[in-house]
Amino acid sequence: MPDPKIDFTHRYKYVPSDFIKHLATTTLVIAVLAVALSAAFREPVRPALKISTVATQNPVLFEKVAMGDLNGTGQIATYGPPYNGGTGSVQSPMQRIVGVIHPVNPKVDFILKPLRMAASLNPSVGAALRVWDAAPAARQQVWASRYQAALAHARTVNGRVVVPHGAYGPVPMMMQGLLELGRSGLMTGALDRSPADYQFDNMNALLFLQGAPLHNAASRLELLGNQWGIIHEENAPYPGPWWMTIVTAIYQIPFISHASSGDAMALAIGMLLFLILMFAPWIPGINRLPHHLGVYRLIWKDYYRDHDQPKPSAEASP
């Protein structure tokens, strides 16, 4: 039996070692393996979802999103802090306390401003905007609500969105101009336009796609919350970040998954579990679980097999 008082390091021979060489060699080996394995088992990387993609592939959906912004019923228009004073996605008192720190007016920022830019290239858009601006707010709301309802029966003909006949005012021409702007790829720049010399804020372009466009894209890749998407890769035959399983499992609890404050509730429960685990050694009852469960004996079974045996009694001297 080794004596714990003996310094084990004195039993080994010291030899010179070039740690820089070892570090460089290890780094090179890992780099080569990473490149080789990435080439052999590469993850499917899909192009980012763009406004131009939605406008080209699903023009009706594009106009539905735009109409939600125009008449104030869209996801961002009713979101609440930090974007506006709505209540649609308010999850906690803290969100209200923080308030509106990134003000967004979807009607103006997402629809009217880009259309005014497009009007310089398309005179018909400018004419439609003049009619819209001259109408009272109540009339604008009627036009927008009627057109939004008509989109439920819309179809695409030669790249144009066709709806049943109705009194929509200038809205159809405005939506056609916005659709053309979206298809051209210029709408992203119009939404993220900034007076600064360098533009790094793409918040508006991302917020425009909130709701159906992003959810539809995530659904095809099995990345929705009810698909346990946070621990999936994109249609890959292997799991993704498995360490997020506990977080994902919290979202599957019915009263959380269907609650408007689901994110805040999941965060609170996750923080509670973290605190319990962090302070487990000092929480009465929980700190005795390892002793009662005996998992440590399974892990160290070889040790306990050798040391739990009763020691043989010393033989009596003759």
C-alpha atoms as a PDB file:
ATOM      1  CA  MET A   1       0.000   0.000   0.000  1.00  0.00           C
ATOM      2  CA  PRO A   2       1.544   3.389  -1.016  1.00  0.00           C
ATOM      3  CA  ASP A   3       2.368   5.719   1.799  1.00  0.00           C
ATOM      4  CA  PRO A   4       0.528   9.065   1.271  1.00  0.00           C
ATOM      5  CA  LYS A   5       3.403  10.866   2.956  1.00  0.00           C
ATOM      6  CA  ILE A   6       5.790   9.916   0.148  1.00  0.00           C
ATOM      7  CA  ASP A   7       6.154  12.467  -2.652  1.00  0.00           C
ATOM      8  CA  PHE A   8       5.342  10.466  -5.774  1.00  0.00           C
ATOM      9  CA  THR A   9       7.010  13.012  -8.059  1.00  0.00           C
ATOM     10  CA  HIS A  10      10.411  11.894  -6.735  1.00  0.00           C
ATOM     11  CA  ARG A  11       9.882   8.452  -8.255  1.00  0.00           C
ATOM     12  CA  TYR A  12       9.970   9.744 -11.840  1.00  0.00           C
ATOM     13  CA  LYS A  13      12.901  10.881 -13.906  1.00  0.00           C
ATOM     14  CA  TYR A  14      12.898  14.509 -15.065  1.00  0.00           C
ATOM     15  CA  VAL A  15      13.664  15.039 -18.763  1.00  0.00           C
ATOM     16  CA  PRO A  16      13.861  18.271 -20.755  1.00  0.00           C
ATOM     17  CA  SER A  17      10.785  19.069 -22.849  1.00  0.00           C
ATOM     18  CA  ASP A  18      10.033  21.685 -25.507  1.00  0.00           C
ATOM     19  CA  PHE A  19       6.509  22.797 -24.663  1.00  0.00           C
ATOM     20  CA  ILE A  20       6.341  25.206 -27.605  1.00  0.00           C
ATOM     21  CA  LYS A  21       7.087  22.327 -29.957  1.00  0.00           C
ATOM     22  CA  HIS A  22       4.432  20.168 -28.314  1.00  0.00           C
ATOM     23  CA  LEU A  23       1.876  22.990 -28.493  1.00  0.00           C
ATOM     24  CA  ALA A  24       2.602  23.698 -32.144  1.00  0.00           C
ATOM     25  CA  THR A  25       2.500  20.002 -33.033  1.00  0.00           C
ATOM     26  CA  THR A  26      -0.785  19.461 -31.205  1.00  0.00           C
ATOM     27  CA  THR A  27      -2.334  22.533 -32.830  1.00  0.00           C
ATOM     28  CA  LEU A  28      -1.254  21.343 -36.273  1.00  0.00           C
ATOM     29  CA  VAL A  29      -2.653  17.843 -35.698  1.00  0.00           C
ATOM     30  CA  ILE A  30      -5.990  19.228 -34.477  1.00  0.00           C
ATOM     31  CA  ALA A  31      -6.190  21.660 -37.408  1.00  0.00           C
ATOM     32  CA  VAL A  32      -5.549  18.897 -39.943  1.00  0.00           C
ATOM     33  CA  LEU A  33      -8.110  16.633 -38.280  1.00  0.00           C
ATOM     34  CA  ALA A  34     -10.695  19.435 -38.135  1.00  0.00           C
ATOM     35  CA  VAL A  35     -10.296  20.217 -41.845  1.00  0.00           C
ATOM     36  CA  ALA A  36     -10.304  16.545 -42.861  1.00  0.00           C
ATOM     37  CA  LEU A  37     -13.321  15.629 -40.730  1.00  0.00           C
ATOM     38  CA  SER A  38     -15.197  18.747 -41.851  1.00  0.00           C
ATOM     39  CA  ALA A  39     -14.661  17.785 -45.469  1.00  0.00           C
ATOM     40  CA  ALA A  40     -15.762  14.188 -44.853  1.00  0.00           C
ATOM     41  CA  PHE A  41     -18.696  14.859 -42.512  1.00  0.00           C
ATOM     42  CA  ARG A  42     -19.594  18.449 -43.355  1.00  0.00           C
ATOM     43  CA  GLU A  43     -22.732  19.923 -41.849  1.00  0.00           C
ATOM     44  CA  PRO A  44     -25.367  21.100 -44.336  1.00  0.00           C
ATOM     45  CA  VAL A  45     -25.126  24.895 -44.286  1.00  0.00           C
ATOM     46  CA  ARG A  46     -28.131  26.540 -45.878  1.00  0.00           C
ATOM     47  CA  PRO A  47     -28.261  30.092 -47.232  1.00  0.00           C
ATOM     48  CA  ALA A  48     -29.771  32.692 -44.945  1.00  0.00           C
ATOM     49  CA  LEU A  49     -33.454  33.486 -45.344  1.00  0.00           C
ATOM     50  CA  LYS A  50     -33.722  36.807 -47.183  1.00  0.00           C
ATOM     51  CA  ILE A  51     -36.578  39.174 -47.860  1.00  0.00           C
ATOM     52  CA  SER A  52     -35.976  38.716 -51.587  1.00  0.00           C
ATOM     53  CA  THR A  53     -36.388  34.943 -51.182  1.00  0.00           C
ATOM     54  CA  VAL A  54     -39.780  35.298 -49.486  1.00  0.00           C
ATOM     55  CA  ALA A  55     -40.959  37.892 -52.013  1.00  0.00           C
ATOM     56  CA  THR A  56     -39.944  35.696 -54.941  1.00  0.00           C
ATOM     57  CA  GLN A  57     -41.058  32.295 -53.692  1.00  0.00           C
ATOM     58  CA  ASN A  58     -44.192  33.255 -51.755  1.00  0.00           C
ATOM     59  CA  PRO A  59     -45.471  36.694 -52.789  1.00  0.00           C
ATOM     60  CA  VAL A  60     -48.836  36.206 -51.042  1.00  0.00           C
ATOM     61  CA  LEU A  61     -47.121  35.528 -47.736  1.00  0.00           C
ATOM     62  CA  PHE A  62     -44.887  38.552 -48.311  1.00  0.00           C
ATOM     63  CA  GLU A  63     -47.917  40.800 -48.750  1.00  0.00           C
ATOM     64  CA  LYS A  64     -49.650  39.294 -45.708  1.00  0.00           C
ATOM     65  CA  VAL A  65     -46.637  40.194 -43.578  1.00  0.00           C
ATOM     66  CA  ALA A  66     -46.536  43.681 -45.074  1.00  0.00           C
ATOM     67  CA  MET A  67     -50.251  44.244 -44.458  1.00  0.00           C
ATOM     68  CA  GLY A  68     -49.858  43.282 -40.815  1.00  0.00           C
ATOM     69  CA  ASP A  69     -47.287  46.064 -40.542  1.00  0.00           C
ATOM     70  CA  LEU A  70     -49.436  48.548 -42.457  1.00  0.00           C
ATOM     71  CA  ASN A  71     -52.654  48.130 -40.456  1.00  0.00           C
ATOM     72  CA  GLY A  72     -50.996  47.554 -37.063  1.00  0.00           C
ATOM     73  CA  THR A  73     -51.985  43.897 -36.540  1.00  0.00           C
ATOM     74  CA  GLY A  74     -48.624  42.275 -37.314  1.00  0.00           C
ATOM     75  CA  GLN A  75     -46.378  40.540 -34.822  1.00  0.00           C
ATOM     76  CA  ILE A  76     -43.935  43.414 -34.402  1.00  0.00           C
ATOM     77  CA  ALA A  77     -46.640  46.081 -34.559  1.00  0.00           C
ATOM     78  CA  THR A  78     -48.257  44.569 -31.443  1.00  0.00           C
ATOM     79  CA  TYR A  79     -45.085  43.203 -29.825  1.00  0.00           C
ATOM     80  CA  GLY A  80     -44.444  45.648 -27.016  1.00  0.00           C
ATOM     81  CA  PRO A  81     -41.122  46.575 -25.359  1.00  0.00           C
ATOM     82  CA  PRO A  82     -38.397  46.979 -26.441  1.00  0.00           C
ATOM     83  CA  TYR A  83     -39.917  47.976 -29.817  1.00  0.00           C
ATOM     84  CA  ASN A  84     -43.172  49.779 -29.022  1.00  0.00           C
ATOM     85  CA  GLY A  85     -45.959  50.155 -26.506  1.00  0.00           C
ATOM     86  CA  GLY A  86     -47.897  47.056 -27.556  1.00  0.00           C
ATOM     87  CA  THR A  87     -48.756  44.125 -25.321  1.00  0.00           C
ATOM     88  CA  GLY A  88     -48.738  41.147 -27.705  1.00  0.00           C
ATOM     89  CA  SER A  89     -45.431  39.680 -26.531  1.00  0.00           C
ATOM     90  CA  VAL A  90     -44.938  41.142 -23.073  1.00  0.00           C
ATOM     91  CA  GLN A  91     -43.623  38.293 -20.923  1.00  0.00           C
ATOM     92  CA  SER A  92     -42.569  39.826 -17.629  1.00  0.00           C
ATOM     93  CA  PRO A  93     -42.666  43.025 -15.551  1.00  0.00           C
ATOM     94  CA  MET A  94     -38.944  43.412 -16.271  1.00  0.00           C
ATOM     95  CA  GLN A  95     -39.756  43.845 -19.958  1.00  0.00           C
ATOM     96  CA  ARG A  96     -42.096  46.719 -19.117  1.00  0.00           C
ATOM     97  CA  ILE A  97     -39.527  48.273 -16.779  1.00  0.00           C
ATOM     98  CA  VAL A  98     -36.863  48.233 -19.509  1.00  0.00           C
ATOM     99  CA  GLY A  99     -39.322  49.978 -21.817  1.00  0.00           C
ATOM    100  CA  VAL A 100     -38.925  50.934 -25.458  1.00  0.00           C
ATOM    101  CA  ILE A 101     -35.200  51.089 -26.125  1.00  0.00           C
ATOM    102  CA  HIS A 102     -35.311  50.142 -29.839  1.00  0.00           C
ATOM    103  CA  PRO A 103     -38.343  52.069 -31.132  1.00  0.00           C
ATOM    104  CA  VAL A 104     -39.885  50.576 -34.259  1.00  0.00           C
ATOM    105  CA  ASN A 105     -42.954  51.814 -36.128  1.00  0.00           C
ATOM    106  CA  PRO A 106     -43.624  49.021 -38.651  1.00  0.00           C
ATOM    107  CA  LYS A 107     -46.165  51.048 -40.637  1.00  0.00           C
ATOM    108  CA  VAL A 108     -43.652  53.827 -41.265  1.00  0.00           C
ATOM    109  CA  ASP A 109     -40.307  52.028 -41.017  1.00  0.00           C
ATOM    110  CA  PHE A 110     -41.222  48.804 -42.849  1.00  0.00           C
ATOM    111  CA  ILE A 111     -43.760  50.012 -45.429  1.00  0.00           C
ATOM    112  CA  LEU A 112     -44.048  53.747 -46.079  1.00  0.00           C
ATOM    113  CA  LYS A 113     -40.357  54.695 -45.949  1.00  0.00           C
ATOM    114  CA  PRO A 114     -39.251  51.921 -48.354  1.00  0.00           C
ATOM    115  CA  LEU A 115     -42.141  52.829 -50.679  1.00  0.00           C
ATOM    116  CA  ARG A 116     -41.114  56.477 -50.713  1.00  0.00           C
ATOM    117  CA  MET A 117     -37.655  55.367 -51.793  1.00  0.00           C
ATOM    118  CA  ALA A 118     -39.165  53.165 -54.509  1.00  0.00           C
ATOM    119  CA  ALA A 119     -41.393  56.024 -55.711  1.00  0.00           C
ATOM    120  CA  SER A 120     -38.368  57.758 -57.251  1.00  0.00           C
ATOM    121  CA  LEU A 121     -38.004  54.761 -59.588  1.00  0.00           C
ATOM    122  CA  ASN A 122     -41.687  53.890 -60.047  1.00  0.00           C
ATOM    123  CA  PRO A 123     -44.046  56.868 -60.579  1.00  0.00           C
ATOM    124  CA  SER A 124     -47.161  54.725 -60.045  1.00  0.00           C
ATOM    125  CA  VAL A 125     -45.993  54.003 -56.481  1.00  0.00           C
ATOM    126  CA  GLY A 126     -45.619  57.725 -55.876  1.00  0.00           C
ATOM    127  CA  ALA A 127     -49.179  58.331 -57.129  1.00  0.00           C
ATOM    128  CA  ALA A 128     -50.549  55.610 -54.830  1.00  0.00           C
ATOM    129  CA  LEU A 129     -48.694  57.105 -51.857  1.00  0.00           C
ATOM    130  CA  ARG A 130     -50.164  60.544 -52.542  1.00  0.00           C
ATOM    131  CA  VAL A 131     -53.672  59.089 -52.462  1.00  0.00           C
ATOM    132  CA  TRP A 132     -52.835  57.244 -49.235  1.00  0.00           C
ATOM    133  CA  ASP A 133     -51.371  60.348 -47.566  1.00  0.00           C
ATOM    134  CA  ALA A 134     -54.367  62.474 -48.526  1.00  0.00           C
ATOM    135  CA  ALA A 135     -56.877  60.064 -46.943  1.00  0.00           C
ATOM    136  CA  PRO A 136     -57.848  60.298 -43.248  1.00  0.00           C
ATOM    137  CA  ALA A 137     -56.493  57.617 -40.902  1.00  0.00           C
ATOM    138  CA  ALA A 138     -59.906  55.924 -40.599  1.00  0.00           C
ATOM    139  CA  ARG A 139     -60.152  55.530 -44.398  1.00  0.00           C
ATOM    140  CA  GLN A 140     -56.591  54.180 -44.556  1.00  0.00           C
ATOM    141  CA  GLN A 141     -57.471  51.560 -41.938  1.00  0.00           C
ATOM    142  CA  VAL A 142     -60.561  50.464 -43.878  1.00  0.00           C
ATOM    143  CA  TRP A 143     -58.580  50.043 -47.081  1.00  0.00           C
ATOM    144  CA  ALA A 144     -55.835  48.109 -45.321  1.00  0.00           C
ATOM    145  CA  SER A 145     -58.232  45.825 -43.407  1.00  0.00           C
ATOM    146  CA  ARG A 146     -60.224  45.012 -46.551  1.00  0.00           C
ATOM    147  CA  TYR A 147     -57.112  44.166 -48.543  1.00  0.00           C
ATOM    148  CA  GLN A 148     -55.697  42.080 -45.708  1.00  0.00           C
ATOM    149  CA  ALA A 149     -58.919  40.048 -45.579  1.00  0.00           C
ATOM    150  CA  ALA A 150     -58.869  39.646 -49.369  1.00  0.00           C
ATOM    151  CA  LEU A 151     -55.376  38.130 -49.228  1.00  0.00           C
ATOM    152  CA  ALA A 152     -56.944  34.981 -47.744  1.00  0.00           C
ATOM    153  CA  HIS A 153     -58.355  34.352 -51.254  1.00  0.00           C
ATOM    154  CA  ALA A 154     -55.367  35.671 -53.224  1.00  0.00           C
ATOM    155  CA  ARG A 155     -53.529  33.909 -56.025  1.00  0.00           C
ATOM    156  CA  THR A 156     -50.392  34.681 -57.990  1.00  0.00           C
ATOM    157  CA  VAL A 157     -50.688  35.430 -61.713  1.00  0.00           C
ATOM    158  CA  ASN A 158     -47.547  36.254 -63.700  1.00  0.00           C
ATOM    159  CA  GLY A 159     -45.772  37.332 -60.569  1.00  0.00           C
ATOM    160  CA  ARG A 160     -48.576  39.606 -59.386  1.00  0.00           C
ATOM    161  CA  VAL A 161     -50.799  38.981 -56.383  1.00  0.00           C
ATOM    162  CA  VAL A 162     -54.411  38.992 -57.516  1.00  0.00           C
ATOM    163  CA  VAL A 163     -57.246  39.407 -54.999  1.00  0.00           C
ATOM    164  CA  PRO A 164     -61.028  39.519 -55.457  1.00  0.00           C
ATOM    165  CA  HIS A 165     -62.380  42.876 -56.597  1.00  0.00           C
ATOM    166  CA  GLY A 166     -63.028  45.325 -53.815  1.00  0.00           C
ATOM    167  CA  ALA A 167     -62.630  48.882 -52.567  1.00  0.00           C
ATOM    168  CA  TYR A 168     -59.010  48.799 -51.477  1.00  0.00           C
ATOM    169  CA  GLY A 169     -57.969  52.314 -52.486  1.00  0.00           C
ATOM    170  CA  PRO A 170     -54.267  52.626 -53.377  1.00  0.00           C
ATOM    171  CA  VAL A 171     -53.259  49.599 -51.273  1.00  0.00           C
ATOM    172  CA  PRO A 172     -52.933  47.093 -54.190  1.00  0.00           C
ATOM    173  CA  MET A 173     -50.557  49.430 -56.041  1.00  0.00           C
ATOM    174  CA  MET A 174     -48.576  50.041 -52.861  1.00  0.00           C
ATOM    175  CA  MET A 175     -48.249  46.309 -52.194  1.00  0.00           C
ATOM    176  CA  GLN A 176     -47.218  45.627 -55.792  1.00  0.00           C
ATOM    177  CA  GLY A 177     -44.519  48.290 -55.500  1.00  0.00           C
ATOM    178  CA  LEU A 178     -43.323  46.819 -52.200  1.00  0.00           C
ATOM    179  CA  LEU A 179     -43.306  43.317 -53.706  1.00  0.00           C
ATOM    180  CA  GLU A 180     -41.140  44.494 -56.603  1.00  0.00           C
ATOM    181  CA  LEU A 181     -38.826  46.208 -54.146  1.00  0.00           C
ATOM    182  CA  GLY A 182     -38.582  42.996 -52.117  1.00  0.00           C
ATOM    183  CA  ARG A 183     -37.850  40.840 -55.160  1.00  0.00           C
ATOM    184  CA  SER A 184     -35.110  43.166 -56.337  1.00  0.00           C
ATOM    185  CA  GLY A 185     -33.198  42.699 -53.094  1.00  0.00           C
ATOM    186  CA  LEU A 186     -33.261  46.445 -52.417  1.00  0.00           C
ATOM    187  CA  MET A 187     -35.782  46.275 -49.586  1.00  0.00           C
ATOM    188  CA  THR A 188     -33.207  44.972 -47.112  1.00  0.00           C
ATOM    189  CA  GLY A 189     -31.091  48.041 -47.720  1.00  0.00           C
ATOM    190  CA  ALA A 190     -34.152  50.297 -47.507  1.00  0.00           C
ATOM    191  CA  LEU A 191     -35.120  48.830 -44.123  1.00  0.00           C
ATOM    192  CA  ASP A 192     -31.613  49.000 -42.685  1.00  0.00           C
ATOM    193  CA  ARG A 193     -30.803  52.406 -44.145  1.00  0.00           C
ATOM    194  CA  SER A 194     -28.863  54.559 -41.704  1.00  0.00           C
ATOM    195  CA  PRO A 195     -27.306  58.041 -41.850  1.00  0.00           C
ATOM    196  CA  ALA A 196     -24.118  56.571 -40.388  1.00  0.00           C
ATOM    197  CA  ASP A 197     -21.100  56.061 -42.624  1.00  0.00           C
ATOM    198  CA  TYR A 198     -20.999  52.352 -41.824  1.00  0.00           C
ATOM    199  CA  GLN A 199     -24.092  50.230 -41.296  1.00  0.00           C
ATOM    200  CA  PHE A 200     -23.955  47.313 -38.877  1.00  0.00           C
ATOM    201  CA  ASP A 201     -27.573  47.288 -37.639  1.00  0.00           C
ATOM    202  CA  ASN A 202     -29.813  44.897 -39.601  1.00  0.00           C
ATOM    203  CA  MET A 203     -32.553  44.794 -36.965  1.00  0.00           C
ATOM    204  CA  ASN A 204     -35.388  46.069 -39.185  1.00  0.00           C
ATOM    205  CA  ALA A 205     -34.742  43.539 -41.948  1.00  0.00           C
ATOM    206  CA  LEU A 206     -34.805  40.724 -39.388  1.00  0.00           C
ATOM    207  CA  LEU A 207     -37.944  42.024 -37.683  1.00  0.00           C
ATOM    208  CA  PHE A 208     -39.784  42.269 -41.000  1.00  0.00           C
ATOM    209  CA  LEU A 209     -39.497  38.481 -41.388  1.00  0.00           C
ATOM    210  CA  GLN A 210     -40.757  37.722 -37.882  1.00  0.00           C
ATOM    211  CA  GLY A 211     -43.753  35.428 -37.764  1.00  0.00           C
ATOM    212  CA  ALA A 212     -44.793  33.197 -40.646  1.00  0.00           C
ATOM    213  CA  PRO A 213     -41.686  33.528 -42.907  1.00  0.00           C
ATOM    214  CA  LEU A 214     -39.238  32.463 -40.195  1.00  0.00           C
ATOM    215  CA  HIS A 215     -41.589  29.853 -38.695  1.00  0.00           C
ATOM    216  CA  ASN A 216     -42.211  28.269 -42.101  1.00  0.00           C
ATOM    217  CA  ALA A 217     -38.472  28.067 -42.770  1.00  0.00           C
ATOM    218  CA  ALA A 218     -37.826  26.568 -39.321  1.00  0.00           C
ATOM    219  CA  SER A 219     -40.643  24.046 -39.735  1.00  0.00           C
ATOM    220  CA  ARG A 220     -39.131  22.634 -42.935  1.00  0.00           C
ATOM    221  CA  LEU A 221     -35.841  22.117 -41.095  1.00  0.00           C
ATOM    222  CA  GLU A 222     -37.517  20.613 -37.999  1.00  0.00           C
ATOM    223  CA  LEU A 223     -36.240  23.476 -35.857  1.00  0.00           C
ATOM    224  CA  LEU A 224     -39.494  24.599 -34.246  1.00  0.00           C
ATOM    225  CA  GLY A 225     -39.818  24.563 -30.489  1.00  0.00           C
ATOM    226  CA  ASN A 226     -42.391  21.748 -30.492  1.00  0.00           C
ATOM    227  CA  GLN A 227     -39.981  19.740 -32.661  1.00  0.00           C
ATOM    228  CA  TRP A 228     -37.255  20.025 -30.009  1.00  0.00           C
ATOM    229  CA  GLY A 229     -35.515  22.156 -32.592  1.00  0.00           C
ATOM    230  CA  ILE A 230     -32.945  23.662 -30.254  1.00  0.00           C
ATOM    231  CA  ILE A 231     -31.148  20.302 -30.066  1.00  0.00           C
ATOM    232  CA  HIS A 232     -31.477  19.502 -33.779  1.00  0.00           C
ATOM    233  CA  GLU A 233     -29.196  20.132 -36.672  1.00  0.00           C
ATOM    234  CA  GLU A 234     -30.699  21.139 -40.006  1.00  0.00           C
ATOM    235  CA  ASN A 235     -32.200  17.859 -41.232  1.00  0.00           C
ATOM    236  CA  ALA A 236     -28.952  16.157 -40.254  1.00  0.00           C
ATOM    237  CA  PRO A 237     -28.889  12.501 -39.117  1.00  0.00           C
ATOM    238  CA  TYR A 238     -27.086  13.384 -35.902  1.00  0.00           C
ATOM    239  CA  PRO A 239     -28.018  15.442 -32.840  1.00  0.00           C
ATOM    240  CA  GLY A 240     -27.049  19.040 -32.313  1.00  0.00           C
ATOM    241  CA  PRO A 241     -26.330  20.752 -28.988  1.00  0.00           C
ATOM    242  CA  TRP A 242     -27.515  17.934 -26.714  1.00  0.00           C
ATOM    243  CA  TRP A 243     -26.498  19.929 -23.620  1.00  0.00           C
ATOM    244  CA  MET A 244     -29.592  22.099 -24.254  1.00  0.00           C
ATOM    245  CA  THR A 245     -31.903  19.123 -23.657  1.00  0.00           C
ATOM    246  CA  ILE A 246     -32.997  20.359 -20.226  1.00  0.00           C
ATOM    247  CA  VAL A 247     -33.874  23.796 -21.598  1.00  0.00           C
ATOM    248  CA  THR A 248     -35.789  22.260 -24.500  1.00  0.00           C
ATOM    249  CA  ALA A 249     -37.631  19.890 -22.176  1.00  0.00           C
ATOM    250  CA  ILE A 250     -38.887  22.851 -20.138  1.00  0.00           C
ATOM    251  CA  TYR A 251     -40.473  24.294 -23.281  1.00  0.00           C
ATOM    252  CA  GLN A 252     -42.401  21.052 -23.823  1.00  0.00           C
ATOM    253  CA  ILE A 253     -44.355  21.480 -20.570  1.00  0.00           C
ATOM    254  CA  PRO A 254     -47.900  22.301 -21.786  1.00  0.00           C
ATOM    255  CA  PHE A 255     -48.601  25.317 -19.576  1.00  0.00           C
ATOM    256  CA  ILE A 256     -45.275  26.833 -20.664  1.00  0.00           C
ATOM    257  CA  SER A 257     -45.396  25.970 -24.364  1.00  0.00           C
ATOM    258  CA  HIS A 258     -48.841  27.581 -24.746  1.00  0.00           C
ATOM    259  CA  ALA A 259     -48.180  30.620 -22.550  1.00  0.00           C
ATOM    260  CA  SER A 260     -47.445  34.069 -23.955  1.00  0.00           C
ATOM    261  CA  SER A 261     -44.698  34.369 -21.339  1.00  0.00           C
ATOM    262  CA  GLY A 262     -43.137  30.999 -22.174  1.00  0.00           C
ATOM    263  CA  ASP A 263     -39.601  32.356 -22.597  1.00  0.00           C
ATOM    264  CA  ALA A 264     -39.652  34.139 -19.246  1.00  0.00           C
ATOM    265  CA  MET A 265     -41.087  31.070 -17.473  1.00  0.00           C
ATOM    266  CA  ALA A 266     -38.522  28.737 -19.058  1.00  0.00           C
ATOM    267  CA  LEU A 267     -35.704  31.113 -18.125  1.00  0.00           C
ATOM    268  CA  ALA A 268     -36.943  31.342 -14.536  1.00  0.00           C
ATOM    269  CA  ILE A 269     -37.241  27.565 -14.167  1.00  0.00           C
ATOM    270  CA  GLY A 270     -33.824  27.054 -15.725  1.00  0.00           C
ATOM    271  CA  MET A 271     -32.288  29.595 -13.334  1.00  0.00           C
ATOM    272  CA  LEU A 272     -33.992  27.880 -10.377  1.00  0.00           C
ATOM    273  CA  LEU A 273     -32.550  24.501 -11.403  1.00  0.00           C
ATOM    274  CA  PHE A 274     -29.120  26.083 -11.794  1.00  0.00           C
ATOM    275  CA  LEU A 275     -29.272  27.592  -8.310  1.00  0.00           C
ATOM    276  CA  ILE A 276     -30.428  24.293  -6.801  1.00  0.00           C
ATOM    277  CA  LEU A 277     -27.509  22.464  -8.408  1.00  0.00           C
ATOM    278  CA  MET A 278     -25.033  25.179  -7.406  1.00  0.00           C
ATOM    279  CA  PHE A 279     -26.106  25.190  -3.759  1.00  0.00           C
ATOM    280  CA  ALA A 280     -26.905  21.468  -3.531  1.00  0.00           C
ATOM    281  CA  PRO A 281     -24.031  20.748  -1.092  1.00  0.00           C
ATOM    282  CA  TRP A 282     -25.625  23.134   1.438  1.00  0.00           C
ATOM    283  CA  ILE A 283     -29.335  22.322   0.948  1.00  0.00           C
ATOM    284  CA  PRO A 284     -30.512  19.908   3.669  1.00  0.00           C
ATOM    285  CA  GLY A 285     -31.849  16.671   2.247  1.00  0.00           C
ATOM    286  CA  ILE A 286     -30.506  17.274  -1.237  1.00  0.00           C
ATOM    287  CA  ASN A 287     -26.932  17.176  -0.005  1.00  0.00           C
ATOM    288  CA  ARG A 288     -27.574  13.628   1.309  1.00  0.00           C
ATOM    289  CA  LEU A 289     -28.932  12.295  -1.994  1.00  0.00           C
ATOM    290  CA  PRO A 290     -25.531  11.065  -3.260  1.00  0.00           C
ATOM    291  CA  HIS A 291     -25.104   9.018  -0.095  1.00  0.00           C
ATOM    292  CA  HIS A 292     -28.574   7.441  -0.338  1.00  0.00           C
ATOM    293  CA  LEU A 293     -28.517   6.870  -4.095  1.00  0.00           C
ATOM    294  CA  GLY A 294     -25.131   5.172  -3.992  1.00  0.00           C
ATOM    295  CA  VAL A 295     -24.130   6.193  -7.510  1.00  0.00           C
ATOM    296  CA  TYR A 296     -20.618   6.867  -6.249  1.00  0.00           C
ATOM    297  CA  ARG A 297     -20.280   3.187  -5.358  1.00  0.00           C
ATOM    298  CA  LEU A 298     -21.116   2.242  -8.942  1.00  0.00           C
ATOM    299  CA  ILE A 299     -18.529   4.660 -10.312  1.00  0.00           C
ATOM    300  CA  TRP A 300     -15.853   3.490  -7.876  1.00  0.00           C
ATOM    301  CA  LYS A 301     -16.952  -0.140  -7.835  1.00  0.00           C
ATOM    302  CA  ASP A 302     -13.391  -1.451  -8.291  1.00  0.00           C
ATOM    303  CA  TYR A 303     -12.224   0.459  -5.245  1.00  0.00           C
ATOM    304  CA  TYR A 304     -15.105  -0.704  -3.058  1.00  0.00           C
ATOM    305  CA  ARG A 305     -14.731  -4.274  -4.289  1.00  0.00           C
ATOM    306  CA  ASP A 306     -11.174  -4.304  -3.002  1.00  0.00           C
ATOM    307  CA  HIS A 307     -11.703  -2.342   0.197  1.00  0.00           C
ATOM    308  CA  ASP A 308     -15.098  -3.529   1.412  1.00  0.00           C
ATOM    309  CA  GLN A 309     -13.834  -7.054   1.936  1.00  0.00           C
ATOM    310  CA  PRO A 310     -13.233  -7.912   5.579  1.00  0.00           C
ATOM    311  CA  LYS A 311      -9.562  -8.084   6.422  1.00  0.00           C
ATOM    312  CA  PRO A 312      -8.318 -11.616   7.275  1.00  0.00           C
ATOM    313  CA  SER A 313      -7.523 -12.018  10.910  1.00  0.00           C
ATOM    314  CA  ALA A 314      -3.861 -12.542  11.790  1.00  0.00           C
ATOM    315  CA  GLU A 315      -2.935 -16.179  12.278  1.00  0.00           C
ATOM    316  CA  ALA A 316      -2.133 -17.104  15.805  1.00  0.00           C
ATOM    317  CA  SER A 317       1.517 -17.808  16.505  1.00  0.00           C
ATOM    318  CA  PRO A 318       2.305 -21.428  17.340  1.00  0.00           C
END
